[in-house]
Amino acid sequence: MDSLEHQHTDLPALMAEMGRKARAAASVLAFTPAEPKRAALLAAADALDSRRKTILAANAEDMRAAETKGISKAFLDRLLLTDKRIDGMIEGLRTIAELPDPVGAVMSEWTRPNGLVISRVRTPLGVIGVIFESRPNVTADAGALTLKSGNAVILRGGSDSVHSSRAIHACLVDGLKSAGLPEACIQIVPTTDRAAVGEMLAGLGGNIDVIVPRGGKTLVARVQAEARVPVFAHLEGICHTYLDASADPQMAIDVTVNAKMRRTGVCGATETLLVHESLLPNVAKPVIEALIARGCEIRGDARIQALIPTALPATETDWHTEYEDAIISVKVVKDVGEAIAHINTYSSHHTEAIITEDLASVQRFFAEIDSAILLHNASTQFADGGEFGFGGEIGIATGKFHARGPVGVEQLTTFKYLVRGAGQTRP
């Protein structure tokens, strides 16, 4: 237990006070013009840049502790910060700062026969609780997106990234101060006590409007089971890439290797590769050999095992598995219909890709698969708010209510109706 935790023996009181402060800050943000929010984010980006050494030193402390626990390579990769990844956070903050302010934006407007003019306009959700595990960059992404969308946020990072997250949070607070905004707009829970998560899931006395979990299956399942407030969540990222009959051979190699191996621990990494039977062996074999050359373990069905002698047998469990590692399951299918059927059976409704030159196959793939993100001739690793032009994301939502796909500033708003009349009464 660190020194900060010693200061907070009454956890329920601490969390309740954070909730009250967040609600008060949200009330201020709801009426804050665009420019102070923009200025706060740009100042926070500058602070990240000037405090690189402090942030990297804090991250090194987290990495040392994680390595002594024997944590997996995929987890360590998610935890690691580098100059390049700090550059990414800075770019994300600056991109979000320059996005159009969503608050007050008119989504649609119409006039009724009786002369009433009705507008649907964006408004903040209020207070958002973000519970995340190893990725310290979520601190910057979540803080920036919630501020831009006019929401206050309470961040609860994992114990493994505690020092990194606190160092990043200090930069966000600097930005708030410089813009004259309440520091409580972006708060971070100052303890690694797991009971803090339970307090947030209970809603902090009605002061949290929505919870966003960002982490593994165990965390998300707990949040969905226990939360007394709405949840934006994805349970896991079982993503598929399908190589259709007309797939360009070189594109099939390039996209598949990137989709699996660019970063194996991200939720948009491909976990299952589906291959049209006509591609055996001329296309499928080079694709799989390229994966093997990058250190990927292959688990295949009978036809893949016959093609690739080193392939291990794929079991029913493999089709259900998010490996988060250099492992991929491979299955041969007879056509796009069988590929779609497999995906609809085993997918977590996160992200799926088709590699093909046949537009009819693309149309069917897009129409018949109900996942949050579908791609044609592109890597599943583009499942990312930054790549969508959102500047960042709090997570990828795979549910169907309110938010779906990358959760950016627009997804962190709701709406209200403004009705303008001229003395109309209802008969």
Protein backbone atom coordinates (compact mmCIF):
# COMPACT_ATOMS: atom_id res chain seq x y z
CA MET A 1 0.00 0.00 0.00
CA ASP A 2 1.44 3.38 -0.97
CA SER A 3 1.41 6.62 1.01
CA LEU A 4 -1.61 7.98 -0.80
CA GLU A 5 -3.66 4.97 0.24
CA HIS A 6 -2.74 5.48 3.89
CA GLN A 7 -4.43 8.87 3.69
CA HIS A 8 -7.81 7.39 2.74
CA THR A 9 -8.94 4.95 5.40
CA ASP A 10 -12.62 5.90 4.92
CA LEU A 11 -12.99 4.81 1.31
CA PRO A 12 -16.78 5.29 1.01
CA ALA A 13 -16.44 8.87 2.24
CA LEU A 14 -13.56 9.54 -0.16
CA MET A 15 -15.47 8.18 -3.14
CA ALA A 16 -18.69 9.99 -2.20
CA GLU A 17 -16.79 13.27 -2.04
CA MET A 18 -15.26 12.61 -5.46
CA GLY A 19 -18.77 12.02 -6.79
CA ARG A 20 -20.04 15.31 -5.37
CA LYS A 21 -17.08 17.23 -6.77
CA ALA A 22 -17.56 15.60 -10.17
CA ARG A 23 -21.24 16.54 -10.25
CA ALA A 24 -20.41 20.15 -9.39
CA ALA A 25 -17.72 20.22 -12.09
CA ALA A 26 -20.12 18.71 -14.62
CA SER A 27 -22.58 21.50 -13.90
CA VAL A 28 -19.87 24.02 -14.80
CA LEU A 29 -18.76 22.14 -17.91
CA ALA A 30 -22.30 21.89 -19.26
CA PHE A 31 -22.22 25.66 -19.83
CA THR A 32 -18.52 26.07 -20.62
CA PRO A 33 -17.83 27.50 -24.10
CA ALA A 34 -15.61 25.66 -26.54
CA GLU A 35 -12.48 27.78 -26.13
CA PRO A 36 -11.61 27.06 -22.46
CA LYS A 37 -11.94 23.32 -23.11
CA ARG A 38 -9.73 23.64 -26.18
CA ALA A 39 -7.16 25.66 -24.23
CA ALA A 40 -7.12 23.15 -21.39
CA LEU A 41 -6.41 20.27 -23.75
CA LEU A 42 -3.65 22.11 -25.61
CA ALA A 43 -2.01 23.06 -22.31
CA ALA A 44 -2.27 19.45 -21.12
CA ALA A 45 -0.58 18.30 -24.34
CA ASP A 46 2.25 20.76 -23.72
CA ALA A 47 2.58 19.47 -20.15
CA LEU A 48 2.87 15.89 -21.42
CA ASP A 49 5.62 16.99 -23.77
CA SER A 50 7.58 18.87 -21.11
CA ARG A 51 7.25 16.09 -18.51
CA ARG A 52 8.35 13.17 -20.65
CA LYS A 53 11.16 12.16 -18.30
CA THR A 54 8.85 12.15 -15.29
CA ILE A 55 6.22 10.08 -17.11
CA LEU A 56 8.76 7.59 -18.46
CA ALA A 57 10.34 7.23 -14.99
CA ALA A 58 6.92 6.55 -13.48
CA ASN A 59 6.23 4.00 -16.20
CA ALA A 60 9.59 2.31 -15.61
CA GLU A 61 8.57 1.84 -11.97
CA ASP A 62 5.31 0.23 -13.07
CA MET A 63 7.12 -1.97 -15.60
CA ARG A 64 9.62 -3.22 -13.01
CA ALA A 65 6.82 -4.16 -10.64
CA ALA A 66 4.88 -5.91 -13.41
CA GLU A 67 7.90 -7.88 -14.59
CA THR A 68 8.55 -9.19 -11.08
CA LYS A 69 5.01 -10.60 -11.10
CA GLY A 70 5.76 -12.62 -14.22
CA ILE A 71 3.04 -10.88 -16.23
CA SER A 72 2.53 -11.85 -19.90
CA LYS A 73 4.30 -10.11 -22.78
CA ALA A 74 0.96 -8.89 -24.15
CA PHE A 75 0.14 -7.25 -20.81
CA LEU A 76 3.59 -5.67 -20.58
CA ASP A 77 3.17 -4.27 -24.08
CA ARG A 78 -0.10 -2.62 -23.07
CA LEU A 79 1.55 -1.16 -19.98
CA LEU A 80 4.71 0.14 -21.67
CA LEU A 81 5.13 3.82 -22.48
CA THR A 82 7.76 5.06 -24.94
CA ASP A 83 8.55 8.43 -26.45
CA LYS A 84 6.56 7.36 -29.51
CA ARG A 85 3.54 6.44 -27.40
CA ILE A 86 3.76 9.73 -25.51
CA ASP A 87 3.86 11.44 -28.93
CA GLY A 88 0.65 9.57 -29.71
CA MET A 89 -1.02 10.84 -26.53
CA ILE A 90 0.07 14.39 -27.29
CA GLU A 91 -1.22 14.15 -30.86
CA GLY A 92 -4.49 12.71 -29.55
CA LEU A 93 -5.01 15.59 -27.11
CA ARG A 94 -4.27 18.17 -29.78
CA THR A 95 -6.57 16.46 -32.28
CA ILE A 96 -9.41 16.29 -29.74
CA ALA A 97 -8.82 19.94 -28.82
CA GLU A 98 -9.43 21.00 -32.42
CA LEU A 99 -12.53 18.87 -33.00
CA PRO A 100 -15.83 20.74 -33.31
CA ASP A 101 -17.45 21.18 -29.90
CA PRO A 102 -20.34 18.72 -29.81
CA VAL A 103 -22.23 20.43 -27.00
CA GLY A 104 -25.17 22.41 -28.36
CA ALA A 105 -24.72 21.10 -31.89
CA VAL A 106 -28.03 20.80 -33.72
CA MET A 107 -28.50 17.19 -34.81
CA SER A 108 -31.72 17.86 -36.71
CA GLU A 109 -34.44 20.49 -36.92
CA TRP A 110 -37.94 20.55 -38.38
CA THR A 111 -41.13 22.60 -38.38
CA ARG A 112 -44.52 21.13 -37.56
CA PRO A 113 -47.73 22.10 -39.42
CA ASN A 114 -48.79 24.13 -36.38
CA GLY A 115 -45.65 26.26 -36.62
CA LEU A 116 -43.66 24.68 -33.76
CA VAL A 117 -39.94 24.53 -34.59
CA ILE A 118 -38.32 21.48 -32.98
CA SER A 119 -34.57 21.00 -32.66
CA ARG A 120 -32.64 18.02 -31.36
CA VAL A 121 -29.36 19.26 -29.82
CA ARG A 122 -26.40 17.52 -28.20
CA THR A 123 -25.92 17.78 -24.46
CA PRO A 124 -23.36 16.16 -22.11
CA LEU A 125 -24.11 12.92 -20.30
CA GLY A 126 -22.89 14.40 -16.99
CA VAL A 127 -20.40 12.38 -14.94
CA ILE A 128 -18.63 9.39 -16.45
CA GLY A 129 -16.78 6.73 -14.50
CA VAL A 130 -13.96 5.05 -16.41
CA ILE A 131 -12.50 1.85 -14.96
CA PHE A 132 -9.45 0.57 -16.81
CA GLU A 133 -6.58 -1.82 -16.34
CA SER A 134 -3.09 -1.75 -17.76
CA ARG A 135 -3.06 0.90 -20.50
CA PRO A 136 -1.95 4.20 -18.92
CA ASN A 137 -2.72 6.11 -22.15
CA VAL A 138 -6.42 5.63 -21.34
CA THR A 139 -5.90 8.33 -18.70
CA ALA A 140 -5.17 10.89 -21.43
CA ASP A 141 -7.74 9.60 -23.92
CA ALA A 142 -10.59 9.42 -21.41
CA GLY A 143 -9.75 12.71 -19.75
CA ALA A 144 -9.58 14.55 -23.06
CA LEU A 145 -12.70 13.04 -24.62
CA THR A 146 -14.87 13.60 -21.57
CA LEU A 147 -13.70 17.19 -21.16
CA LYS A 148 -14.30 18.01 -24.83
CA SER A 149 -17.80 16.54 -24.63
CA GLY A 150 -18.62 18.60 -21.55
CA ASN A 151 -18.55 15.73 -19.05
CA ALA A 152 -16.72 15.35 -15.76
CA VAL A 153 -14.87 12.06 -15.30
CA ILE A 154 -13.68 9.87 -12.45
CA LEU A 155 -10.82 7.62 -13.57
CA ARG A 156 -9.91 4.41 -11.81
CA GLY A 157 -6.83 2.82 -13.33
CA GLY A 158 -5.37 -0.57 -12.53
CA SER A 159 -2.80 -1.05 -9.80
CA ASP A 160 -0.20 -2.10 -12.38
CA SER A 161 -0.28 1.30 -14.11
CA VAL A 162 -0.80 3.46 -11.03
CA HIS A 163 2.37 5.56 -11.22
CA SER A 164 2.12 6.11 -14.98
CA SER A 165 -1.54 7.12 -14.76
CA ARG A 166 -0.92 9.57 -11.93
CA ALA A 167 1.91 11.24 -13.87
CA ILE A 168 -0.34 11.64 -16.94
CA HIS A 169 -3.25 12.85 -14.81
CA ALA A 170 -1.06 15.59 -13.31
CA CYS A 171 -0.57 16.97 -16.83
CA LEU A 172 -4.33 17.03 -17.43
CA VAL A 173 -4.85 18.91 -14.16
CA ASP A 174 -2.23 21.47 -15.24
CA GLY A 175 -4.27 22.02 -18.39
CA LEU A 176 -7.49 22.53 -16.41
CA LYS A 177 -5.81 25.02 -14.08
CA SER A 178 -4.32 27.04 -16.93
CA ALA A 179 -7.77 27.35 -18.56
CA GLY A 180 -9.51 28.28 -15.32
CA LEU A 181 -11.62 25.11 -15.21
CA PRO A 182 -12.35 23.13 -12.02
CA GLU A 183 -9.71 20.53 -11.24
CA ALA A 184 -12.54 18.12 -10.43
CA CYS A 185 -13.44 17.96 -14.13
CA ILE A 186 -10.90 15.12 -14.37
CA GLN A 187 -10.32 13.17 -11.16
CA ILE A 188 -8.34 9.97 -10.61
CA VAL A 189 -9.07 7.62 -7.72
CA PRO A 190 -6.02 7.96 -5.43
CA THR A 191 -6.04 4.37 -4.18
CA THR A 192 -5.59 0.92 -5.67
CA ASP A 193 -8.07 -0.57 -3.20
CA ARG A 194 -10.45 -2.68 -5.29
CA ALA A 195 -13.35 -1.61 -3.12
CA ALA A 196 -13.21 1.72 -4.98
CA VAL A 197 -14.53 -0.07 -8.07
CA GLY A 198 -17.53 -1.32 -6.10
CA GLU A 199 -18.27 2.23 -4.91
CA MET A 200 -18.21 3.48 -8.50
CA LEU A 201 -20.43 0.65 -9.75
CA ALA A 202 -22.97 1.61 -7.09
CA GLY A 203 -23.10 5.09 -8.66
CA LEU A 204 -21.63 7.25 -5.87
CA GLY A 205 -24.99 8.34 -4.56
CA GLY A 206 -26.43 9.00 -8.01
CA ASN A 207 -23.47 11.11 -9.09
CA ILE A 208 -22.20 8.79 -11.86
CA ASP A 209 -24.33 8.72 -15.01
CA VAL A 210 -22.50 6.01 -16.97
CA ILE A 211 -19.63 3.55 -16.44
CA VAL A 212 -17.08 2.69 -19.13
CA PRO A 213 -14.90 -0.36 -18.40
CA ARG A 214 -11.69 -0.70 -20.41
CA GLY A 215 -9.95 -3.98 -19.75
CA GLY A 216 -10.10 -7.75 -19.82
CA LYS A 217 -13.03 -10.10 -19.77
CA THR A 218 -13.03 -10.48 -15.98
CA LEU A 219 -13.22 -6.74 -15.34
CA VAL A 220 -15.92 -6.10 -17.95
CA ALA A 221 -18.01 -9.06 -16.77
CA ARG A 222 -17.87 -7.77 -13.20
CA VAL A 223 -18.89 -4.28 -14.26
CA GLN A 224 -21.81 -5.56 -16.33
CA ALA A 225 -22.96 -7.81 -13.48
CA GLU A 226 -22.69 -5.31 -10.63
CA ALA A 227 -23.21 -1.84 -12.09
CA ARG A 228 -26.30 0.07 -10.99
CA VAL A 229 -25.79 2.66 -13.71
CA PRO A 230 -25.67 2.25 -17.51
CA VAL A 231 -22.51 0.65 -18.97
CA PHE A 232 -20.73 1.14 -22.31
CA ALA A 233 -18.74 -2.04 -22.74
CA HIS A 234 -17.33 -4.76 -24.89
CA LEU A 235 -16.77 -8.13 -23.28
CA GLU A 236 -13.92 -9.19 -25.56
CA GLY A 237 -12.47 -8.72 -29.05
CA ILE A 238 -12.82 -11.97 -30.99
CA CYS A 239 -12.11 -10.45 -34.39
CA HIS A 240 -12.03 -12.24 -37.75
CA THR A 241 -10.31 -11.74 -41.11
CA TYR A 242 -11.82 -13.59 -44.08
CA LEU A 243 -9.81 -14.17 -47.26
CA ASP A 244 -12.40 -14.48 -50.03
CA ALA A 245 -11.84 -16.29 -53.35
CA SER A 246 -10.73 -13.15 -55.23
CA ALA A 247 -8.39 -11.82 -52.53
CA ASP A 248 -5.25 -10.19 -53.91
CA PRO A 249 -2.40 -12.53 -52.80
CA GLN A 250 0.02 -9.83 -51.64
CA MET A 251 -2.75 -7.84 -49.95
CA ALA A 252 -3.84 -11.01 -48.17
CA ILE A 253 -0.34 -11.39 -46.70
CA ASP A 254 0.14 -7.73 -45.79
CA VAL A 255 -3.27 -7.19 -44.22
CA THR A 256 -3.45 -10.49 -42.35
CA VAL A 257 0.03 -10.16 -40.84
CA ASN A 258 -0.74 -6.61 -39.73
CA ALA A 259 -4.16 -7.58 -38.38
CA LYS A 260 -2.65 -10.28 -36.18
CA MET A 261 0.90 -9.22 -35.42
CA ARG A 262 1.08 -5.40 -35.34
CA ARG A 263 0.07 -5.49 -31.67
CA THR A 264 -1.26 -8.84 -30.51
CA GLY A 265 -2.67 -7.53 -27.23
CA VAL A 266 -5.09 -4.92 -28.59
CA CYS A 267 -8.80 -5.67 -28.83
CA GLY A 268 -8.78 -5.15 -32.62
CA ALA A 269 -6.21 -7.89 -33.27
CA THR A 270 -7.49 -10.68 -35.52
CA GLU A 271 -7.89 -13.93 -33.58
CA THR A 272 -9.40 -16.15 -36.29
CA LEU A 273 -8.47 -16.30 -39.99
CA LEU A 274 -11.04 -17.74 -42.40
CA VAL A 275 -9.80 -18.86 -45.82
CA HIS A 276 -11.82 -19.65 -48.96
CA GLU A 277 -11.08 -23.21 -50.04
CA SER A 278 -10.05 -22.08 -53.53
CA LEU A 279 -7.06 -20.29 -52.00
CA LEU A 280 -5.45 -23.58 -50.94
CA PRO A 281 -2.50 -23.78 -51.34
CA ASN A 282 -1.37 -20.86 -53.53
CA VAL A 283 -2.58 -17.99 -51.32
CA ALA A 284 -3.32 -19.51 -47.91
CA LYS A 285 0.10 -21.12 -47.53
CA PRO A 286 2.15 -17.93 -48.12
CA VAL A 287 -0.14 -16.01 -45.74
CA ILE A 288 0.29 -18.58 -42.98
CA GLU A 289 4.04 -18.87 -43.60
CA ALA A 290 4.32 -15.08 -43.28
CA LEU A 291 2.56 -15.30 -39.92
CA ILE A 292 4.86 -18.10 -38.78
CA ALA A 293 7.91 -16.06 -39.86
CA ARG A 294 6.72 -13.32 -37.49
CA GLY A 295 6.53 -15.80 -34.61
CA CYS A 296 2.83 -16.61 -34.74
CA GLU A 297 1.53 -20.01 -33.59
CA ILE A 298 -1.01 -21.58 -35.96
CA ARG A 299 -4.00 -23.60 -34.79
CA GLY A 300 -5.89 -24.97 -37.77
CA ASP A 301 -8.65 -27.28 -38.88
CA ALA A 302 -7.83 -30.56 -40.65
CA ARG A 303 -7.21 -28.98 -44.06
CA ILE A 304 -4.89 -26.34 -42.61
CA GLN A 305 -2.97 -29.02 -40.68
CA ALA A 306 -2.51 -30.94 -43.93
CA LEU A 307 -1.21 -27.77 -45.60
CA ILE A 308 0.99 -26.61 -42.69
CA PRO A 309 2.65 -29.54 -40.89
CA THR A 310 3.56 -27.43 -37.83
CA ALA A 311 -0.03 -26.28 -37.29
CA LEU A 312 -1.62 -27.47 -34.05
CA PRO A 313 -5.21 -28.75 -34.15
CA ALA A 314 -7.84 -26.08 -33.54
CA THR A 315 -10.48 -27.07 -31.01
CA GLU A 316 -13.95 -25.69 -30.42
CA THR A 317 -12.46 -23.57 -27.63
CA ASP A 318 -10.12 -21.84 -30.09
CA TRP A 319 -12.99 -20.35 -32.09
CA HIS A 320 -14.22 -18.75 -28.84
CA THR A 321 -10.82 -17.46 -27.72
CA GLU A 322 -9.37 -13.94 -27.64
CA TYR A 323 -5.71 -14.93 -27.46
CA GLU A 324 -4.16 -11.48 -26.92
CA ASP A 325 -0.96 -13.22 -28.02
CA ALA A 326 0.89 -14.39 -31.14
CA ILE A 327 -1.59 -17.21 -31.77
CA ILE A 328 -4.22 -17.44 -34.51
CA SER A 329 -6.86 -20.04 -35.32
CA VAL A 330 -7.40 -20.80 -39.02
CA LYS A 331 -10.38 -22.41 -40.75
CA VAL A 332 -11.14 -23.24 -44.39
CA VAL A 333 -14.63 -22.30 -45.61
CA LYS A 334 -16.37 -23.10 -48.90
CA ASP A 335 -17.73 -19.59 -49.57
CA VAL A 336 -18.61 -16.19 -48.10
CA GLY A 337 -21.84 -17.61 -46.70
CA GLU A 338 -19.98 -20.14 -44.56
CA ALA A 339 -17.55 -17.42 -43.43
CA ILE A 340 -20.47 -15.22 -42.38
CA ALA A 341 -22.10 -18.13 -40.53
CA HIS A 342 -18.89 -18.83 -38.62
CA ILE A 343 -18.43 -15.18 -37.68
CA ASN A 344 -22.03 -14.78 -36.54
CA THR A 345 -21.63 -17.90 -34.37
CA TYR A 346 -18.32 -17.08 -32.68
CA SER A 347 -17.76 -13.32 -32.98
CA SER A 348 -17.94 -10.95 -30.02
CA HIS A 349 -19.43 -8.38 -32.44
CA HIS A 350 -16.34 -6.19 -32.30
CA THR A 351 -14.53 -6.05 -35.68
CA GLU A 352 -14.44 -8.23 -38.81
CA ALA A 353 -12.62 -7.80 -42.14
CA ILE A 354 -13.03 -9.25 -45.63
CA ILE A 355 -10.21 -9.28 -48.18
CA THR A 356 -11.68 -9.56 -51.68
CA GLU A 357 -12.03 -7.91 -55.09
CA ASP A 358 -15.62 -9.14 -55.39
CA LEU A 359 -17.99 -6.30 -54.51
CA ALA A 360 -20.93 -8.70 -54.24
CA SER A 361 -19.08 -10.54 -51.46
CA VAL A 362 -18.38 -7.23 -49.73
CA GLN A 363 -22.01 -6.21 -49.92
CA ARG A 364 -23.17 -9.50 -48.43
CA PHE A 365 -20.47 -9.43 -45.72
CA PHE A 366 -21.46 -5.89 -44.70
CA ALA A 367 -25.20 -6.65 -44.77
CA GLU A 368 -25.26 -9.97 -42.94
CA ILE A 369 -22.73 -9.48 -40.14
CA ASP A 370 -23.85 -7.47 -37.14
CA SER A 371 -20.55 -6.35 -35.61
CA ALA A 372 -19.70 -2.82 -34.54
CA ILE A 373 -16.97 -2.40 -37.20
CA LEU A 374 -16.70 -4.08 -40.61
CA LEU A 375 -13.78 -3.51 -42.98
CA HIS A 376 -13.07 -4.26 -46.64
CA ASN A 377 -9.45 -4.73 -47.69
CA ALA A 378 -8.06 -3.26 -44.47
CA SER A 379 -6.59 -4.51 -41.19
CA THR A 380 -8.81 -5.08 -38.16
CA GLN A 381 -6.26 -3.06 -36.18
CA PHE A 382 -7.91 0.08 -37.58
CA ALA A 383 -10.58 -0.50 -34.91
CA ASP A 384 -9.44 2.55 -33.00
CA GLY A 385 -10.94 5.96 -32.31
CA GLY A 386 -7.75 7.74 -33.32
CA GLU A 387 -7.79 6.00 -36.70
CA PHE A 388 -11.44 7.02 -37.13
CA GLY A 389 -10.48 10.68 -36.69
CA PHE A 390 -11.92 10.89 -33.16
CA GLY A 391 -8.55 11.83 -31.63
CA GLY A 392 -8.83 8.85 -29.30
CA GLU A 393 -11.42 6.64 -27.69
CA ILE A 394 -12.57 5.54 -24.29
CA GLY A 395 -13.22 2.09 -25.70
CA ILE A 396 -14.97 0.10 -28.41
CA ALA A 397 -18.61 -0.46 -27.47
CA THR A 398 -20.15 -3.64 -28.87
CA GLY A 399 -23.64 -3.19 -27.43
CA LYS A 400 -26.50 -1.75 -29.45
CA PHE A 401 -27.76 0.97 -27.13
CA HIS A 402 -26.56 4.59 -27.31
CA ALA A 403 -22.90 4.02 -28.27
CA ARG A 404 -21.41 1.46 -30.65
CA GLY A 405 -17.89 1.15 -32.02
CA PRO A 406 -15.20 3.65 -30.96
CA VAL A 407 -16.55 5.86 -28.16
CA GLY A 408 -15.47 9.43 -28.94
CA VAL A 409 -16.82 12.87 -28.13
CA GLU A 410 -20.16 12.51 -29.94
CA GLN A 411 -20.82 9.15 -28.30
CA LEU A 412 -20.30 10.80 -24.90
CA THR A 413 -23.27 13.09 -25.45
CA THR A 414 -27.00 12.58 -25.35
CA PHE A 415 -29.57 15.05 -26.66
CA LYS A 416 -32.52 17.18 -25.69
CA TYR A 417 -35.33 18.76 -27.68
CA LEU A 418 -35.76 22.52 -27.96
CA VAL A 419 -39.25 23.51 -29.07
CA ARG A 420 -39.90 27.08 -30.19
CA GLY A 421 -43.43 28.35 -30.54
CA ALA A 422 -45.46 31.52 -30.99
CA GLY A 423 -48.25 30.97 -28.48
CA GLN A 424 -49.52 27.60 -29.78
CA THR A 425 -51.88 25.63 -27.58
CA ARG A 426 -52.83 22.00 -28.07
CA PRO A 427 -56.45 21.39 -29.05
